[in-house]
Amino acid sequence: MKFTKDSIVTSICGIDSNITIEKLYNSMPKDGIEFDEDLETTLEELNEGYDTFGGDDLFFNGEEFGLNSNLDDYMGITEFLENCFGEKYLMMKCTRFSYQNFEKDGKGGIWQHPHHSIDFIESIVEGDGEEILSIITKGHYEYEIDDINEANFLTDAEKKQIDICENNDEKYERYYDAKYCSYFMKKSEFNIDRWWSGWGSPQE
């Protein structure tokens, strides 16, 4: 299949799409993510089988567009989606982490071992560059946000233990397992009381 500027992009960051490659290319934000080359060169590279662009930050095979989960700077992503679809979007970044206990005296509660806690997921919802929500959950993976239920919310005792860890960096430290992904949703469809529901497929 030969890609042209009028070829249809079927998915953008896990969101169903029917815009053209040309519109996708022209929707890139003023600052932030971008393709390496002009549109003509990008089409040539697509037809030669290339599927990574923007210094490997962007995955695009001519039909599906996504982001590298290791992307350091998500600047311009929601602006890009607004340019693509004509509506404002939110982004949620979900990161898996645990706590290390340097004194190895953790017991019960969040402590899976004396030196290491259970895994947590920190979910941060952003829109227009502003943080809307930040919450920590447990007992699920970063790519299973839709499956969250009451059992995944922290108890008051667990919240207190986490507060202790966060406020004593001489004894405790977050350990990041390089496990994270991002989600996107129309801002108009976001319900903060059910913040975990309605997101597109995870971008891993």
Protein backbone atom coordinates (compact mmCIF):
# COMPACT_ATOMS: atom_id res chain seq x y z
CA MET A 1 0.00 0.00 0.00
CA LYS A 2 1.42 3.39 -1.01
CA PHE A 3 0.78 6.22 1.40
CA THR A 4 -0.12 9.69 0.14
CA LYS A 5 -1.04 12.92 1.92
CA ASP A 6 -4.71 11.92 1.49
CA SER A 7 -4.34 8.49 3.12
CA ILE A 8 -6.54 8.08 6.21
CA VAL A 9 -5.09 7.79 9.70
CA THR A 10 -7.30 5.35 11.63
CA SER A 11 -5.96 5.84 15.16
CA ILE A 12 -4.19 8.68 16.99
CA CYS A 13 -2.92 8.02 20.51
CA GLY A 14 -5.52 5.29 20.93
CA ILE A 15 -8.37 7.48 19.64
CA ASP A 16 -10.34 6.48 16.52
CA SER A 17 -9.60 8.82 13.63
CA ASN A 18 -10.51 9.47 10.00
CA ILE A 19 -8.26 12.44 9.26
CA THR A 20 -5.65 12.45 6.51
CA ILE A 21 -1.90 12.13 6.90
CA GLU A 22 -1.60 15.73 5.70
CA LYS A 23 -3.91 16.97 8.47
CA LEU A 24 -2.06 14.88 11.05
CA TYR A 25 1.24 16.37 9.93
CA ASN A 26 -0.12 19.93 9.94
CA SER A 27 -1.66 19.44 13.41
CA MET A 28 1.70 19.26 15.14
CA PRO A 29 1.92 21.88 17.95
CA LYS A 30 3.96 25.06 17.70
CA ASP A 31 6.23 23.73 20.45
CA GLY A 32 6.75 20.11 21.48
CA ILE A 33 6.49 16.91 19.47
CA GLU A 34 7.24 17.08 15.75
CA PHE A 35 8.24 15.04 12.73
CA ASP A 36 11.88 15.16 11.65
CA GLU A 37 11.27 16.14 8.04
CA ASP A 38 8.81 17.93 5.78
CA LEU A 39 5.62 16.17 4.67
CA GLU A 40 6.99 14.95 1.35
CA THR A 41 10.05 13.39 2.96
CA THR A 42 7.91 11.87 5.73
CA LEU A 43 5.70 10.20 3.11
CA GLU A 44 8.76 8.84 1.34
CA GLU A 45 10.06 7.39 4.60
CA LEU A 46 6.65 5.83 5.38
CA ASN A 47 6.63 4.15 2.00
CA GLU A 48 10.15 2.86 2.63
CA GLY A 49 8.91 1.16 5.80
CA TYR A 50 10.00 3.64 8.47
CA ASP A 51 7.67 3.82 11.48
CA THR A 52 9.55 5.98 14.03
CA PHE A 53 9.95 9.73 13.75
CA GLY A 54 10.83 12.76 15.84
CA GLY A 55 13.95 11.20 17.31
CA ASP A 56 12.00 7.98 18.00
CA ASP A 57 9.42 9.91 20.07
CA LEU A 58 6.64 9.21 17.56
CA PHE A 59 5.41 5.88 16.21
CA PHE A 60 3.56 6.14 12.91
CA ASN A 61 3.03 3.40 10.31
CA GLY A 62 0.82 5.44 7.99
CA GLU A 63 -2.41 4.32 9.67
CA GLU A 64 -1.81 4.37 13.43
CA PHE A 65 -0.05 7.17 15.31
CA GLY A 66 1.27 6.82 18.86
CA LEU A 67 3.84 8.10 21.32
CA ASN A 68 6.92 6.49 22.77
CA SER A 69 6.10 5.73 26.43
CA ASN A 70 9.64 6.84 27.31
CA LEU A 71 8.92 10.34 26.00
CA ASP A 72 10.44 12.79 28.47
CA ASP A 73 8.48 15.87 27.43
CA TYR A 74 4.78 15.63 26.57
CA MET A 75 4.68 19.33 25.70
CA GLY A 76 2.08 20.10 23.04
CA ILE A 77 0.33 16.69 23.04
CA THR A 78 -3.13 17.95 24.02
CA GLU A 79 -2.74 20.93 21.65
CA PHE A 80 -1.91 18.44 18.89
CA LEU A 81 -5.04 16.38 19.62
CA GLU A 82 -7.19 19.51 19.64
CA ASN A 83 -5.75 20.44 16.24
CA CYS A 84 -6.54 16.94 14.94
CA PHE A 85 -10.08 16.60 16.24
CA GLY A 86 -11.31 20.14 16.94
CA GLU A 87 -11.96 19.43 20.64
CA LYS A 88 -9.94 19.87 23.83
CA TYR A 89 -8.32 16.73 25.24
CA LEU A 90 -6.91 15.61 28.57
CA MET A 91 -3.89 13.40 29.14
CA MET A 92 -3.35 10.96 32.00
CA LYS A 93 0.14 9.62 32.73
CA CYS A 94 0.21 6.46 34.87
CA THR A 95 3.47 5.46 36.52
CA ARG A 96 4.26 2.32 38.53
CA PHE A 97 6.48 2.74 41.58
CA SER A 98 7.21 1.37 45.04
CA TYR A 99 9.03 2.59 48.14
CA GLN A 100 12.45 1.45 49.30
CA ASN A 101 13.09 1.36 53.03
CA PHE A 102 16.78 1.95 53.66
CA GLU A 103 16.58 0.79 57.27
CA LYS A 104 14.78 -2.42 56.23
CA ASP A 105 12.32 -2.27 59.11
CA GLY A 106 9.04 -2.17 57.17
CA LYS A 107 6.36 -4.40 58.67
CA GLY A 108 2.73 -4.89 57.61
CA GLY A 109 0.57 -2.41 55.78
CA ILE A 110 2.19 -1.31 52.53
CA TRP A 111 5.40 -3.27 53.22
CA GLN A 112 5.70 -6.37 51.07
CA HIS A 113 9.21 -6.94 52.48
CA PRO A 114 11.06 -5.09 55.26
CA HIS A 115 12.99 -3.14 52.62
CA HIS A 116 10.39 -2.84 49.84
CA SER A 117 6.73 -1.85 49.61
CA ILE A 118 3.99 -3.17 47.35
CA ASP A 119 3.65 -1.59 43.90
CA PHE A 120 1.57 1.56 43.44
CA ILE A 121 0.30 3.46 40.41
CA GLU A 122 0.44 7.25 40.39
CA SER A 123 -2.07 8.72 37.91
CA ILE A 124 -1.79 12.39 36.95
CA VAL A 125 -4.46 14.03 34.77
CA GLU A 126 -3.46 17.18 32.88
CA GLY A 127 -5.11 19.58 30.45
CA ASP A 128 -3.80 22.77 28.85
CA GLY A 129 -0.56 22.29 30.75
CA GLU A 130 -2.34 22.32 34.14
CA GLU A 131 -2.60 19.43 36.60
CA ILE A 132 -6.24 18.51 37.29
CA LEU A 133 -5.84 15.42 39.45
CA SER A 134 -3.09 13.34 41.05
CA ILE A 135 -3.94 10.08 42.82
CA ILE A 136 -2.20 6.91 43.95
CA THR A 137 -3.82 3.47 43.67
CA LYS A 138 -2.72 -0.12 44.27
CA GLY A 139 -3.28 -3.70 43.11
CA HIS A 140 -3.38 -3.13 39.36
CA TYR A 141 -1.06 -2.37 36.46
CA GLU A 142 -0.62 0.97 34.73
CA TYR A 143 -2.32 -0.39 31.58
CA GLU A 144 -5.42 -1.59 33.51
CA ILE A 145 -6.96 1.75 34.48
CA ASP A 146 -10.42 0.74 33.22
CA ASP A 147 -10.43 -2.21 35.66
CA ILE A 148 -10.07 -0.09 38.81
CA ASN A 149 -12.56 -0.83 41.60
CA GLU A 150 -12.94 -0.09 45.32
CA ALA A 151 -10.21 -2.59 46.24
CA ASN A 152 -7.65 -0.50 44.35
CA PHE A 153 -8.12 2.66 46.44
CA LEU A 154 -5.86 3.27 49.41
CA THR A 155 -7.10 2.87 52.96
CA ASP A 156 -6.57 5.73 55.42
CA ALA A 157 -3.80 3.71 57.07
CA GLU A 158 -2.02 3.21 53.74
CA LYS A 159 -2.32 6.92 52.95
CA LYS A 160 -0.67 7.73 56.29
CA GLN A 161 2.18 5.29 55.56
CA ILE A 162 2.70 6.89 52.15
CA ASP A 163 2.74 10.36 53.72
CA ILE A 164 5.49 9.16 56.08
CA CYS A 165 7.51 7.85 53.11
CA GLU A 166 7.05 11.05 51.14
CA ASN A 167 8.18 13.24 54.03
CA ASN A 168 11.29 11.31 55.08
CA ASP A 169 13.67 11.05 52.15
CA GLU A 170 16.55 10.00 54.40
CA LYS A 171 14.83 6.69 55.15
CA TYR A 172 12.50 6.16 52.17
CA GLU A 173 12.77 6.60 48.42
CA ARG A 174 10.49 6.01 45.50
CA TYR A 175 11.69 3.25 43.19
CA TYR A 176 10.52 3.54 39.58
CA ASP A 177 10.36 0.33 37.59
CA ALA A 178 10.30 2.04 34.15
CA LYS A 179 6.66 0.97 33.80
CA TYR A 180 4.35 3.74 32.63
CA CYS A 181 1.87 4.65 29.95
CA SER A 182 -0.37 7.51 28.90
CA TYR A 183 -4.07 7.83 28.11
CA PHE A 184 -6.14 10.49 26.36
CA MET A 185 -9.78 11.59 26.55
CA LYS A 186 -12.03 14.41 25.36
CA LYS A 187 -12.17 17.03 28.10
CA SER A 188 -15.95 17.23 27.70
CA GLU A 189 -16.28 13.53 28.61
CA PHE A 190 -14.13 13.60 31.76
CA ASN A 191 -15.89 12.90 35.07
CA ILE A 192 -13.59 13.63 38.01
CA ASP A 193 -15.72 11.40 40.28
CA ARG A 194 -14.96 8.47 37.97
CA TRP A 195 -11.58 9.72 36.76
CA TRP A 196 -10.41 6.24 35.71
CA SER A 197 -13.26 5.64 33.22
CA GLY A 198 -13.62 6.52 29.55
CA TRP A 199 -9.97 6.82 28.49
CA GLY A 200 -8.67 5.64 25.11
CA SER A 201 -6.39 2.63 24.84
CA PRO A 202 -3.12 2.90 26.78
CA GLN A 203 -0.07 4.25 24.96
CA GLU A 204 2.73 2.01 26.20
